[in-house]
Amino acid sequence: MRVSHYLEFETHVTGGIRESVAHQRAMLDRLGIAYTTEPTLDADVFHANLLGPRSVWYARRAADRDVPVVANTHVTAEDFGDSFRFTNALARPLRPYLEWAYGLADALVCPSAYNRRVIESYADVPTTVISNGVDREKLAGFEALETTYRERYDLAEPTVFAVGHVIKRKGLETFVETARRMPETDFAWFGPLDLSLKGRETTALIENAPENCTFTGYVDDIRGAYAAGDVFYFPTHEENEGIALLEAMTAGKPVLVRDIEPFEWLEDGEECLKAAADAGVDAFVAALDRFADPTLRERLGSNAAARSEAFSLDALADRYRSLYEEVV
């Protein structure tokens, strides 16, 4: 079997989509499935990770060549807004485009049960849930970087942290205001700032954050974030899955999330703490105050690490083999 495993705009795409594609290719390597990263219909499967114009061109012609099309549903109108400049304006027309584009596929890969429920309202195409997964090997040895990264960013234990692109949708305002309410606690957000791509409101939130709230910008070794951080704080409003969440759990970090539908699989008080979906800052402050107890941090972190094992690339890889065999 040979797969055309294509990511349109690959040199420009960053964040979770890029990580997911890297994970998929690592799984194909584990399975011994041959693939090319170039778009071609000289393959047994055309697998698109972003349905831009070039991917759509190939997808529309695949049926004539009897080549099945698999597409990952990384992008929805629901999670597109409040990201970068102009994304709110594009979110509304994006949905009819995606409904048409996803409808060109023979099978859709959804990263979570929540994303699957959303996508089933877009297109009448068979869906399969396969997590984006977590690359445990990439995180190996993160503990050794603790001193280096704490000193680099002047962070004291316990540090409350987030990982990923700094965008409003991921709960930026809540993160900043929580830090403002807890001036004796260090908060750090590890990830690209890209201020030129941000709207004025997002830029203002970053620039006017309190002194105990650090935005590191791009981190050359993401393991340093999980080494320096103690409590992973993820007040995102919308998420298809959240690779950074899976990584934090794999690193054994206790987690605080907003109680939204994408995180319904996590059990409050066992694998994480949750604040209500419409909760104000007070609820998050109260939850973080509970993490002052090192016994609670240890228990929730240990439970999170155990739960994350189901998301390892080794645990997920065979699902891609089964899907390809099914569509072929």
C-alpha atoms as a PDB file:
ATOM      1  CA  MET A   1       0.000   0.000   0.000  1.00  0.00           C
ATOM      2  CA  ARG A   2       1.179   3.508  -0.830  1.00  0.00           C
ATOM      3  CA  VAL A   3      -0.400   6.678   0.549  1.00  0.00           C
ATOM      4  CA  SER A   4      -0.237  10.257  -0.677  1.00  0.00           C
ATOM      5  CA  HIS A   5      -0.111  11.899   2.756  1.00  0.00           C
ATOM      6  CA  TYR A   6      -0.491  15.561   1.964  1.00  0.00           C
ATOM      7  CA  LEU A   7      -0.538  18.714   4.089  1.00  0.00           C
ATOM      8  CA  GLU A   8      -1.328  21.737   1.969  1.00  0.00           C
ATOM      9  CA  PHE A   9       0.549  24.904   3.005  1.00  0.00           C
ATOM     10  CA  GLU A  10       2.940  22.662   4.933  1.00  0.00           C
ATOM     11  CA  THR A  11       5.705  25.262   5.124  1.00  0.00           C
ATOM     12  CA  HIS A  12       3.304  27.742   6.745  1.00  0.00           C
ATOM     13  CA  VAL A  13       1.148  25.586   9.029  1.00  0.00           C
ATOM     14  CA  THR A  14       2.146  25.476  12.692  1.00  0.00           C
ATOM     15  CA  GLY A  15       0.573  24.427  15.973  1.00  0.00           C
ATOM     16  CA  GLY A  16      -1.671  21.430  16.509  1.00  0.00           C
ATOM     17  CA  ILE A  17      -2.286  20.627  12.839  1.00  0.00           C
ATOM     18  CA  ARG A  18       1.417  20.396  12.116  1.00  0.00           C
ATOM     19  CA  GLU A  19       1.920  18.227  15.205  1.00  0.00           C
ATOM     20  CA  SER A  20      -0.938  15.930  14.213  1.00  0.00           C
ATOM     21  CA  VAL A  21       0.528  15.422  10.745  1.00  0.00           C
ATOM     22  CA  ALA A  22       3.935  14.622  12.252  1.00  0.00           C
ATOM     23  CA  HIS A  23       2.240  12.093  14.533  1.00  0.00           C
ATOM     24  CA  GLN A  24       0.384  10.489  11.621  1.00  0.00           C
ATOM     25  CA  ARG A  25       3.585  10.081   9.647  1.00  0.00           C
ATOM     26  CA  ALA A  26       5.338   8.601  12.676  1.00  0.00           C
ATOM     27  CA  MET A  27       2.499   6.077  12.906  1.00  0.00           C
ATOM     28  CA  LEU A  28       2.820   5.220   9.212  1.00  0.00           C
ATOM     29  CA  ASP A  29       6.531   4.648   9.779  1.00  0.00           C
ATOM     30  CA  ARG A  30       5.724   2.316  12.674  1.00  0.00           C
ATOM     31  CA  LEU A  31       3.277   0.421  10.466  1.00  0.00           C
ATOM     32  CA  GLY A  32       5.708   0.167   7.564  1.00  0.00           C
ATOM     33  CA  ILE A  33       3.197   1.857   5.226  1.00  0.00           C
ATOM     34  CA  ALA A  34       4.899   3.609   2.321  1.00  0.00           C
ATOM     35  CA  TYR A  35       3.872   7.213   1.753  1.00  0.00           C
ATOM     36  CA  THR A  36       4.823  10.356  -0.094  1.00  0.00           C
ATOM     37  CA  THR A  37       4.232  13.850   1.241  1.00  0.00           C
ATOM     38  CA  GLU A  38       3.531  15.108  -2.289  1.00  0.00           C
ATOM     39  CA  PRO A  39      -0.028  15.262  -3.654  1.00  0.00           C
ATOM     40  CA  THR A  40      -0.524  12.536  -6.225  1.00  0.00           C
ATOM     41  CA  LEU A  41      -3.193  10.149  -7.431  1.00  0.00           C
ATOM     42  CA  ASP A  42      -0.509   7.587  -8.243  1.00  0.00           C
ATOM     43  CA  ALA A  43      -1.219   6.012  -4.857  1.00  0.00           C
ATOM     44  CA  ASP A  44      -3.677   3.655  -3.195  1.00  0.00           C
ATOM     45  CA  VAL A  45      -5.076   6.410  -0.920  1.00  0.00           C
ATOM     46  CA  PHE A  46      -5.081  10.197  -1.173  1.00  0.00           C
ATOM     47  CA  HIS A  47      -4.977  11.479   2.424  1.00  0.00           C
ATOM     48  CA  ALA A  48      -5.475  15.243   2.837  1.00  0.00           C
ATOM     49  CA  ASN A  49      -4.935  17.046   6.130  1.00  0.00           C
ATOM     50  CA  LEU A  50      -6.155  20.470   4.980  1.00  0.00           C
ATOM     51  CA  LEU A  51      -8.683  20.826   2.195  1.00  0.00           C
ATOM     52  CA  GLY A  52      -7.270  23.888   0.510  1.00  0.00           C
ATOM     53  CA  PRO A  53      -7.680  24.480  -3.245  1.00  0.00           C
ATOM     54  CA  ARG A  54      -4.898  22.127  -4.324  1.00  0.00           C
ATOM     55  CA  SER A  55      -6.142  19.285  -2.093  1.00  0.00           C
ATOM     56  CA  VAL A  56      -9.670  19.810  -3.397  1.00  0.00           C
ATOM     57  CA  TRP A  57      -8.391  19.654  -6.984  1.00  0.00           C
ATOM     58  CA  TYR A  58      -6.944  16.200  -6.321  1.00  0.00           C
ATOM     59  CA  ALA A  59      -9.950  15.055  -4.282  1.00  0.00           C
ATOM     60  CA  ARG A  60     -12.376  15.942  -7.081  1.00  0.00           C
ATOM     61  CA  ARG A  61     -10.370  13.925  -9.592  1.00  0.00           C
ATOM     62  CA  ALA A  62      -9.694  10.954  -7.329  1.00  0.00           C
ATOM     63  CA  ALA A  63     -12.957   9.195  -8.165  1.00  0.00           C
ATOM     64  CA  ASP A  64     -12.025   9.118 -11.870  1.00  0.00           C
ATOM     65  CA  ARG A  65      -8.805   7.332 -10.902  1.00  0.00           C
ATOM     66  CA  ASP A  66     -10.555   5.026  -8.420  1.00  0.00           C
ATOM     67  CA  VAL A  67      -8.412   6.411  -5.593  1.00  0.00           C
ATOM     68  CA  PRO A  68     -10.219   6.744  -2.232  1.00  0.00           C
ATOM     69  CA  VAL A  69      -9.930  10.073  -0.397  1.00  0.00           C
ATOM     70  CA  VAL A  70      -9.345  10.306   3.352  1.00  0.00           C
ATOM     71  CA  ALA A  71      -9.430  13.719   5.042  1.00  0.00           C
ATOM     72  CA  ASN A  72      -8.711  14.849   8.587  1.00  0.00           C
ATOM     73  CA  THR A  73     -11.221  17.296  10.054  1.00  0.00           C
ATOM     74  CA  HIS A  74      -8.733  19.577  11.810  1.00  0.00           C
ATOM     75  CA  VAL A  75     -10.667  22.689  10.849  1.00  0.00           C
ATOM     76  CA  THR A  76     -14.240  23.617  11.745  1.00  0.00           C
ATOM     77  CA  ALA A  77     -15.984  26.970  11.676  1.00  0.00           C
ATOM     78  CA  GLU A  78     -16.637  26.513  15.401  1.00  0.00           C
ATOM     79  CA  ASP A  79     -12.954  26.560  16.373  1.00  0.00           C
ATOM     80  CA  PHE A  80     -11.739  28.946  13.662  1.00  0.00           C
ATOM     81  CA  GLY A  81     -12.872  32.198  15.250  1.00  0.00           C
ATOM     82  CA  ASP A  82     -10.945  34.158  17.892  1.00  0.00           C
ATOM     83  CA  SER A  83      -7.668  32.775  16.594  1.00  0.00           C
ATOM     84  CA  PHE A  84      -5.746  35.208  14.407  1.00  0.00           C
ATOM     85  CA  ARG A  85      -6.529  38.497  12.691  1.00  0.00           C
ATOM     86  CA  PHE A  86      -9.498  38.229  10.298  1.00  0.00           C
ATOM     87  CA  THR A  87     -10.447  34.689  11.383  1.00  0.00           C
ATOM     88  CA  ASN A  88     -13.737  35.882  12.909  1.00  0.00           C
ATOM     89  CA  ALA A  89     -14.740  37.433   9.576  1.00  0.00           C
ATOM     90  CA  LEU A  90     -13.836  34.224   7.741  1.00  0.00           C
ATOM     91  CA  ALA A  91     -15.539  31.797  10.139  1.00  0.00           C
ATOM     92  CA  ARG A  92     -19.045  32.243   8.705  1.00  0.00           C
ATOM     93  CA  PRO A  93     -18.241  31.643   5.005  1.00  0.00           C
ATOM     94  CA  LEU A  94     -15.834  28.890   6.030  1.00  0.00           C
ATOM     95  CA  ARG A  95     -18.620  26.519   7.040  1.00  0.00           C
ATOM     96  CA  PRO A  96     -20.337  26.137   3.636  1.00  0.00           C
ATOM     97  CA  TYR A  97     -16.931  25.700   2.025  1.00  0.00           C
ATOM     98  CA  LEU A  98     -15.986  22.951   4.479  1.00  0.00           C
ATOM     99  CA  GLU A  99     -19.370  21.258   4.061  1.00  0.00           C
ATOM    100  CA  TRP A 100     -18.647  21.008   0.342  1.00  0.00           C
ATOM    101  CA  ALA A 101     -14.974  20.094   0.704  1.00  0.00           C
ATOM    102  CA  TYR A 102     -15.456  17.431   3.397  1.00  0.00           C
ATOM    103  CA  GLY A 103     -18.223  15.986   1.235  1.00  0.00           C
ATOM    104  CA  LEU A 104     -15.599  15.110  -1.396  1.00  0.00           C
ATOM    105  CA  ALA A 105     -13.965  12.545   0.898  1.00  0.00           C
ATOM    106  CA  ASP A 106     -14.729   8.859   1.153  1.00  0.00           C
ATOM    107  CA  ALA A 107     -13.829   8.837   4.850  1.00  0.00           C
ATOM    108  CA  LEU A 108     -13.255  11.556   7.428  1.00  0.00           C
ATOM    109  CA  VAL A 109     -10.886  11.233  10.393  1.00  0.00           C
ATOM    110  CA  CYS A 110     -12.060  13.135  13.468  1.00  0.00           C
ATOM    111  CA  PRO A 111      -9.644  13.704  16.382  1.00  0.00           C
ATOM    112  CA  SER A 112     -12.329  13.325  19.057  1.00  0.00           C
ATOM    113  CA  ALA A 113     -15.900  12.231  19.651  1.00  0.00           C
ATOM    114  CA  TYR A 114     -16.846  15.883  20.080  1.00  0.00           C
ATOM    115  CA  ASN A 115     -15.338  16.835  16.714  1.00  0.00           C
ATOM    116  CA  ARG A 116     -17.163  13.904  15.148  1.00  0.00           C
ATOM    117  CA  ARG A 117     -20.519  15.192  16.413  1.00  0.00           C
ATOM    118  CA  VAL A 118     -19.749  18.590  14.907  1.00  0.00           C
ATOM    119  CA  ILE A 119     -18.576  17.168  11.579  1.00  0.00           C
ATOM    120  CA  GLU A 120     -21.609  14.918  11.173  1.00  0.00           C
ATOM    121  CA  SER A 121     -23.627  18.110  10.714  1.00  0.00           C
ATOM    122  CA  TYR A 122     -21.286  19.148   7.890  1.00  0.00           C
ATOM    123  CA  ALA A 123     -21.218  16.182   5.534  1.00  0.00           C
ATOM    124  CA  ASP A 124     -22.844  12.799   4.987  1.00  0.00           C
ATOM    125  CA  VAL A 125     -19.529  10.951   4.890  1.00  0.00           C
ATOM    126  CA  PRO A 126     -18.405   8.009   7.091  1.00  0.00           C
ATOM    127  CA  THR A 127     -16.403   9.230  10.072  1.00  0.00           C
ATOM    128  CA  THR A 128     -13.771   7.541  12.210  1.00  0.00           C
ATOM    129  CA  VAL A 129     -12.427   8.883  15.497  1.00  0.00           C
ATOM    130  CA  ILE A 130      -8.634   8.690  15.718  1.00  0.00           C
ATOM    131  CA  SER A 131      -6.973  10.932  18.267  1.00  0.00           C
ATOM    132  CA  ASN A 132      -4.162  13.251  17.187  1.00  0.00           C
ATOM    133  CA  GLY A 133      -2.200  11.321  19.779  1.00  0.00           C
ATOM    134  CA  VAL A 134       0.837  12.221  21.832  1.00  0.00           C
ATOM    135  CA  ASP A 135       4.451  11.516  20.918  1.00  0.00           C
ATOM    136  CA  ARG A 136       5.815  10.166  24.177  1.00  0.00           C
ATOM    137  CA  GLU A 137       9.316   9.898  22.730  1.00  0.00           C
ATOM    138  CA  LYS A 138       9.356  13.644  22.026  1.00  0.00           C
ATOM    139  CA  LEU A 139       8.832  14.353  25.726  1.00  0.00           C
ATOM    140  CA  ALA A 140      11.417  11.872  26.992  1.00  0.00           C
ATOM    141  CA  GLY A 141      13.861  13.391  29.437  1.00  0.00           C
ATOM    142  CA  PHE A 142      11.903  16.613  29.983  1.00  0.00           C
ATOM    143  CA  GLU A 143      12.593  16.533  33.737  1.00  0.00           C
ATOM    144  CA  ALA A 144      16.294  17.302  33.187  1.00  0.00           C
ATOM    145  CA  LEU A 145      15.387  20.727  31.764  1.00  0.00           C
ATOM    146  CA  GLU A 146      13.591  22.012  34.869  1.00  0.00           C
ATOM    147  CA  THR A 147      16.362  24.177  36.312  1.00  0.00           C
ATOM    148  CA  THR A 148      17.343  25.611  32.923  1.00  0.00           C
ATOM    149  CA  TYR A 149      13.843  26.729  32.011  1.00  0.00           C
ATOM    150  CA  ARG A 150      12.861  27.952  35.458  1.00  0.00           C
ATOM    151  CA  GLU A 151      15.941  30.150  35.534  1.00  0.00           C
ATOM    152  CA  ARG A 152      15.505  31.289  31.930  1.00  0.00           C
ATOM    153  CA  TYR A 153      12.027  32.646  32.611  1.00  0.00           C
ATOM    154  CA  ASP A 154      12.418  33.334  36.357  1.00  0.00           C
ATOM    155  CA  LEU A 155       9.663  30.927  37.406  1.00  0.00           C
ATOM    156  CA  ALA A 156       9.073  29.647  40.923  1.00  0.00           C
ATOM    157  CA  GLU A 157       7.206  26.527  41.979  1.00  0.00           C
ATOM    158  CA  PRO A 158       4.309  26.016  41.612  1.00  0.00           C
ATOM    159  CA  THR A 159       4.122  27.594  38.159  1.00  0.00           C
ATOM    160  CA  VAL A 160       0.743  27.616  36.397  1.00  0.00           C
ATOM    161  CA  PHE A 161       1.309  27.187  32.665  1.00  0.00           C
ATOM    162  CA  ALA A 162      -0.176  26.795  29.188  1.00  0.00           C
ATOM    163  CA  VAL A 163       1.369  25.605  25.918  1.00  0.00           C
ATOM    164  CA  GLY A 164       0.544  26.563  22.339  1.00  0.00           C
ATOM    165  CA  HIS A 165      -0.270  29.539  20.165  1.00  0.00           C
ATOM    166  CA  VAL A 166      -1.372  32.514  22.262  1.00  0.00           C
ATOM    167  CA  ILE A 167      -4.877  33.156  20.918  1.00  0.00           C
ATOM    168  CA  LYS A 168      -8.071  34.470  22.448  1.00  0.00           C
ATOM    169  CA  ARG A 169     -10.090  31.314  21.780  1.00  0.00           C
ATOM    170  CA  LYS A 170      -7.826  29.329  24.078  1.00  0.00           C
ATOM    171  CA  GLY A 171      -8.923  31.391  27.066  1.00  0.00           C
ATOM    172  CA  LEU A 172      -6.257  34.090  26.929  1.00  0.00           C
ATOM    173  CA  GLU A 173      -8.351  36.686  28.742  1.00  0.00           C
ATOM    174  CA  THR A 174      -9.208  34.241  31.537  1.00  0.00           C
ATOM    175  CA  PHE A 175      -5.567  33.171  31.834  1.00  0.00           C
ATOM    176  CA  VAL A 176      -4.358  36.772  32.177  1.00  0.00           C
ATOM    177  CA  GLU A 177      -7.068  37.796  34.617  1.00  0.00           C
ATOM    178  CA  THR A 178      -6.469  34.719  36.761  1.00  0.00           C
ATOM    179  CA  ALA A 179      -2.806  35.677  36.968  1.00  0.00           C
ATOM    180  CA  ARG A 180      -3.819  39.187  37.972  1.00  0.00           C
ATOM    181  CA  ARG A 181      -5.911  37.767  40.809  1.00  0.00           C
ATOM    182  CA  MET A 182      -3.038  35.561  42.024  1.00  0.00           C
ATOM    183  CA  PRO A 183      -0.016  37.929  42.132  1.00  0.00           C
ATOM    184  CA  GLU A 184       2.055  35.601  44.317  1.00  0.00           C
ATOM    185  CA  THR A 185       1.891  32.782  41.739  1.00  0.00           C
ATOM    186  CA  ASP A 186       3.901  32.612  38.522  1.00  0.00           C
ATOM    187  CA  PHE A 187       1.964  32.071  35.304  1.00  0.00           C
ATOM    188  CA  ALA A 188       3.699  31.208  32.022  1.00  0.00           C
ATOM    189  CA  TRP A 189       2.351  30.666  28.517  1.00  0.00           C
ATOM    190  CA  PHE A 190       4.860  28.821  26.340  1.00  0.00           C
ATOM    191  CA  GLY A 191       4.299  29.294  22.637  1.00  0.00           C
ATOM    192  CA  PRO A 192       4.545  31.605  19.616  1.00  0.00           C
ATOM    193  CA  LEU A 193       3.188  35.124  20.062  1.00  0.00           C
ATOM    194  CA  ASP A 194       3.006  36.249  16.395  1.00  0.00           C
ATOM    195  CA  LEU A 195       1.775  39.697  17.448  1.00  0.00           C
ATOM    196  CA  SER A 196       1.642  40.862  13.830  1.00  0.00           C
ATOM    197  CA  LEU A 197      -1.110  38.293  13.249  1.00  0.00           C
ATOM    198  CA  LYS A 198      -3.119  39.205  16.348  1.00  0.00           C
ATOM    199  CA  GLY A 199      -6.021  41.599  16.644  1.00  0.00           C
ATOM    200  CA  ARG A 200      -5.790  44.695  18.827  1.00  0.00           C
ATOM    201  CA  GLU A 201      -7.701  43.128  21.727  1.00  0.00           C
ATOM    202  CA  THR A 202      -5.423  40.087  21.881  1.00  0.00           C
ATOM    203  CA  THR A 203      -2.301  42.230  21.626  1.00  0.00           C
ATOM    204  CA  ALA A 204      -3.564  44.458  24.442  1.00  0.00           C
ATOM    205  CA  LEU A 205      -4.182  41.464  26.694  1.00  0.00           C
ATOM    206  CA  ILE A 206      -0.613  40.269  26.185  1.00  0.00           C
ATOM    207  CA  GLU A 207       1.044  43.658  26.531  1.00  0.00           C
ATOM    208  CA  ASN A 208      -0.957  44.636  29.628  1.00  0.00           C
ATOM    209  CA  ALA A 209      -0.608  41.331  31.473  1.00  0.00           C
ATOM    210  CA  PRO A 210       0.569  41.534  35.109  1.00  0.00           C
ATOM    211  CA  GLU A 211       4.237  41.047  35.988  1.00  0.00           C
ATOM    212  CA  ASN A 212       3.658  37.483  37.208  1.00  0.00           C
ATOM    213  CA  CYS A 213       2.297  36.458  33.776  1.00  0.00           C
ATOM    214  CA  THR A 214       5.074  35.548  31.333  1.00  0.00           C
ATOM    215  CA  PHE A 215       4.638  34.965  27.608  1.00  0.00           C
ATOM    216  CA  THR A 216       7.780  33.171  26.507  1.00  0.00           C
ATOM    217  CA  GLY A 217       7.272  33.260  22.755  1.00  0.00           C
ATOM    218  CA  TYR A 218       8.555  30.358  20.664  1.00  0.00           C
ATOM    219  CA  VAL A 219      10.337  27.712  22.735  1.00  0.00           C
ATOM    220  CA  ASP A 220      13.166  25.843  21.032  1.00  0.00           C
ATOM    221  CA  ASP A 221      12.585  22.683  23.082  1.00  0.00           C
ATOM    222  CA  ILE A 222       8.968  22.248  24.145  1.00  0.00           C
ATOM    223  CA  ARG A 223      10.073  19.769  26.812  1.00  0.00           C
ATOM    224  CA  GLY A 224      11.240  22.810  28.760  1.00  0.00           C
ATOM    225  CA  ALA A 225       7.654  23.970  29.178  1.00  0.00           C
ATOM    226  CA  TYR A 226       6.610  20.707  30.799  1.00  0.00           C
ATOM    227  CA  ALA A 227       9.746  20.771  32.942  1.00  0.00           C
ATOM    228  CA  ALA A 228       9.200  24.299  34.282  1.00  0.00           C
ATOM    229  CA  GLY A 229       5.400  24.127  34.613  1.00  0.00           C
ATOM    230  CA  ASP A 230       3.651  22.538  37.568  1.00  0.00           C
ATOM    231  CA  VAL A 231      -0.104  22.919  36.877  1.00  0.00           C
ATOM    232  CA  PHE A 232      -1.407  22.900  33.306  1.00  0.00           C
ATOM    233  CA  TYR A 233      -4.129  25.539  32.968  1.00  0.00           C
ATOM    234  CA  PHE A 234      -6.292  25.283  29.848  1.00  0.00           C
ATOM    235  CA  PRO A 235      -9.353  27.583  29.988  1.00  0.00           C
ATOM    236  CA  THR A 236     -10.003  27.235  26.250  1.00  0.00           C
ATOM    237  CA  HIS A 237     -13.511  27.971  24.977  1.00  0.00           C
ATOM    238  CA  GLU A 238     -13.420  25.616  21.983  1.00  0.00           C
ATOM    239  CA  GLU A 239     -11.121  22.756  21.022  1.00  0.00           C
ATOM    240  CA  ASN A 240     -11.196  19.832  18.632  1.00  0.00           C
ATOM    241  CA  GLU A 241      -8.991  17.835  20.995  1.00  0.00           C
ATOM    242  CA  GLY A 242      -5.906  19.609  22.361  1.00  0.00           C
ATOM    243  CA  ILE A 243      -2.487  18.009  21.795  1.00  0.00           C
ATOM    244  CA  ALA A 244      -0.892  20.203  24.481  1.00  0.00           C
ATOM    245  CA  LEU A 245      -3.389  18.820  26.998  1.00  0.00           C
ATOM    246  CA  LEU A 246      -2.394  15.258  26.083  1.00  0.00           C
ATOM    247  CA  GLU A 247       1.277  16.171  26.390  1.00  0.00           C
ATOM    248  CA  ALA A 248       0.771  17.715  29.825  1.00  0.00           C
ATOM    249  CA  MET A 249      -1.050  14.599  30.979  1.00  0.00           C
ATOM    250  CA  THR A 250       1.719  12.400  29.589  1.00  0.00           C
ATOM    251  CA  ALA A 251       4.230  14.467  31.565  1.00  0.00           C
ATOM    252  CA  GLY A 252       2.201  13.745  34.707  1.00  0.00           C
ATOM    253  CA  LYS A 253       1.087  17.323  35.217  1.00  0.00           C
ATOM    254  CA  PRO A 254      -2.160  18.033  37.083  1.00  0.00           C
ATOM    255  CA  VAL A 255      -4.648  19.766  34.803  1.00  0.00           C
ATOM    256  CA  LEU A 256      -7.304  22.469  35.164  1.00  0.00           C
ATOM    257  CA  VAL A 257      -9.711  22.832  32.225  1.00  0.00           C
ATOM    258  CA  ARG A 258     -12.933  24.583  31.385  1.00  0.00           C
ATOM    259  CA  ASP A 259     -15.813  22.094  31.540  1.00  0.00           C
ATOM    260  CA  ILE A 260     -16.690  22.129  27.846  1.00  0.00           C
ATOM    261  CA  GLU A 261     -17.951  19.300  25.659  1.00  0.00           C
ATOM    262  CA  PRO A 262     -14.548  18.411  24.124  1.00  0.00           C
ATOM    263  CA  PHE A 263     -13.307  17.477  27.607  1.00  0.00           C
ATOM    264  CA  GLU A 264     -16.267  15.388  28.699  1.00  0.00           C
ATOM    265  CA  TRP A 265     -14.036  12.295  28.612  1.00  0.00           C
ATOM    266  CA  LEU A 266     -12.000  13.656  31.548  1.00  0.00           C
ATOM    267  CA  GLU A 267     -13.338  12.961  35.043  1.00  0.00           C
ATOM    268  CA  ASP A 268     -13.377  15.953  37.348  1.00  0.00           C
ATOM    269  CA  GLY A 269     -11.550  15.249  40.608  1.00  0.00           C
ATOM    270  CA  GLU A 270      -9.878  12.122  39.244  1.00  0.00           C
ATOM    271  CA  GLU A 271      -7.863  13.076  36.151  1.00  0.00           C
ATOM    272  CA  CYS A 272      -8.227  16.848  36.338  1.00  0.00           C
ATOM    273  CA  LEU A 273     -10.126  19.688  37.936  1.00  0.00           C
ATOM    274  CA  LYS A 274     -12.835  21.471  35.974  1.00  0.00           C
ATOM    275  CA  ALA A 275     -14.508  24.865  36.200  1.00  0.00           C
ATOM    276  CA  ALA A 276     -17.955  25.363  34.671  1.00  0.00           C
ATOM    277  CA  ALA A 277     -18.073  26.300  30.995  1.00  0.00           C
ATOM    278  CA  ASP A 278     -19.465  29.738  31.805  1.00  0.00           C
ATOM    279  CA  ALA A 279     -17.385  30.191  34.946  1.00  0.00           C
ATOM    280  CA  GLY A 280     -15.816  33.514  35.767  1.00  0.00           C
ATOM    281  CA  VAL A 281     -12.288  34.006  37.029  1.00  0.00           C
ATOM    282  CA  ASP A 282     -13.341  33.317  40.636  1.00  0.00           C
ATOM    283  CA  ALA A 283     -13.994  29.646  39.869  1.00  0.00           C
ATOM    284  CA  PHE A 284     -10.587  29.177  38.272  1.00  0.00           C
ATOM    285  CA  VAL A 285      -8.828  30.937  41.129  1.00  0.00           C
ATOM    286  CA  ALA A 286     -10.607  28.668  43.614  1.00  0.00           C
ATOM    287  CA  ALA A 287      -9.572  25.570  41.645  1.00  0.00           C
ATOM    288  CA  LEU A 288      -5.947  26.705  41.422  1.00  0.00           C
ATOM    289  CA  ASP A 289      -5.928  27.376  45.164  1.00  0.00           C
ATOM    290  CA  ARG A 290      -6.727  23.689  45.635  1.00  0.00           C
ATOM    291  CA  PHE A 291      -3.547  22.800  43.752  1.00  0.00           C
ATOM    292  CA  ALA A 292      -1.521  24.329  46.567  1.00  0.00           C
ATOM    293  CA  ASP A 293      -1.899  20.863  48.097  1.00  0.00           C
ATOM    294  CA  PRO A 294       1.054  18.811  46.715  1.00  0.00           C
ATOM    295  CA  THR A 295      -0.800  15.563  47.486  1.00  0.00           C
ATOM    296  CA  LEU A 296      -3.646  16.574  45.193  1.00  0.00           C
ATOM    297  CA  ARG A 297      -1.214  17.621  42.471  1.00  0.00           C
ATOM    298  CA  GLU A 298       0.554  14.269  42.705  1.00  0.00           C
ATOM    299  CA  ARG A 299      -2.666  12.228  42.612  1.00  0.00           C
ATOM    300  CA  LEU A 300      -4.254  14.054  39.677  1.00  0.00           C
ATOM    301  CA  GLY A 301      -0.970  14.130  37.762  1.00  0.00           C
ATOM    302  CA  SER A 302      -0.449  10.404  38.232  1.00  0.00           C
ATOM    303  CA  ASN A 303      -4.015   9.638  37.127  1.00  0.00           C
ATOM    304  CA  ALA A 304      -3.631  11.912  34.099  1.00  0.00           C
ATOM    305  CA  ALA A 305      -0.429  10.134  33.057  1.00  0.00           C
ATOM    306  CA  ALA A 306      -2.132   6.747  33.288  1.00  0.00           C
ATOM    307  CA  ARG A 307      -5.079   7.958  31.193  1.00  0.00           C
ATOM    308  CA  SER A 308      -2.763   9.410  28.547  1.00  0.00           C
ATOM    309  CA  GLU A 309      -1.320   5.995  27.694  1.00  0.00           C
ATOM    310  CA  ALA A 310      -4.342   5.300  25.489  1.00  0.00           C
ATOM    311  CA  PHE A 311      -3.291   8.237  23.296  1.00  0.00           C
ATOM    312  CA  SER A 312       0.239   7.036  22.536  1.00  0.00           C
ATOM    313  CA  LEU A 313       1.155   6.638  18.879  1.00  0.00           C
ATOM    314  CA  ASP A 314       1.718   2.916  19.384  1.00  0.00           C
ATOM    315  CA  ALA A 315      -1.817   2.560  20.738  1.00  0.00           C
ATOM    316  CA  LEU A 316      -3.362   4.442  17.794  1.00  0.00           C
ATOM    317  CA  ALA A 317      -1.355   3.358  14.755  1.00  0.00           C
ATOM    318  CA  ASP A 318      -3.378   0.276  13.807  1.00  0.00           C
ATOM    319  CA  ARG A 319      -6.488   2.433  13.440  1.00  0.00           C
ATOM    320  CA  TYR A 320      -4.930   4.074  10.388  1.00  0.00           C
ATOM    321  CA  ARG A 321      -4.024   0.708   8.898  1.00  0.00           C
ATOM    322  CA  SER A 322      -7.610  -0.480   9.389  1.00  0.00           C
ATOM    323  CA  LEU A 323      -9.045   2.697   7.881  1.00  0.00           C
ATOM    324  CA  TYR A 324      -6.842   2.532   4.780  1.00  0.00           C
ATOM    325  CA  GLU A 325      -7.629  -1.127   4.258  1.00  0.00           C
ATOM    326  CA  GLU A 326     -11.335  -0.379   4.589  1.00  0.00           C
ATOM    327  CA  VAL A 327     -11.421   2.425   2.015  1.00  0.00           C
ATOM    328  CA  VAL A 328      -9.207   0.565  -0.429  1.00  0.00           C
END
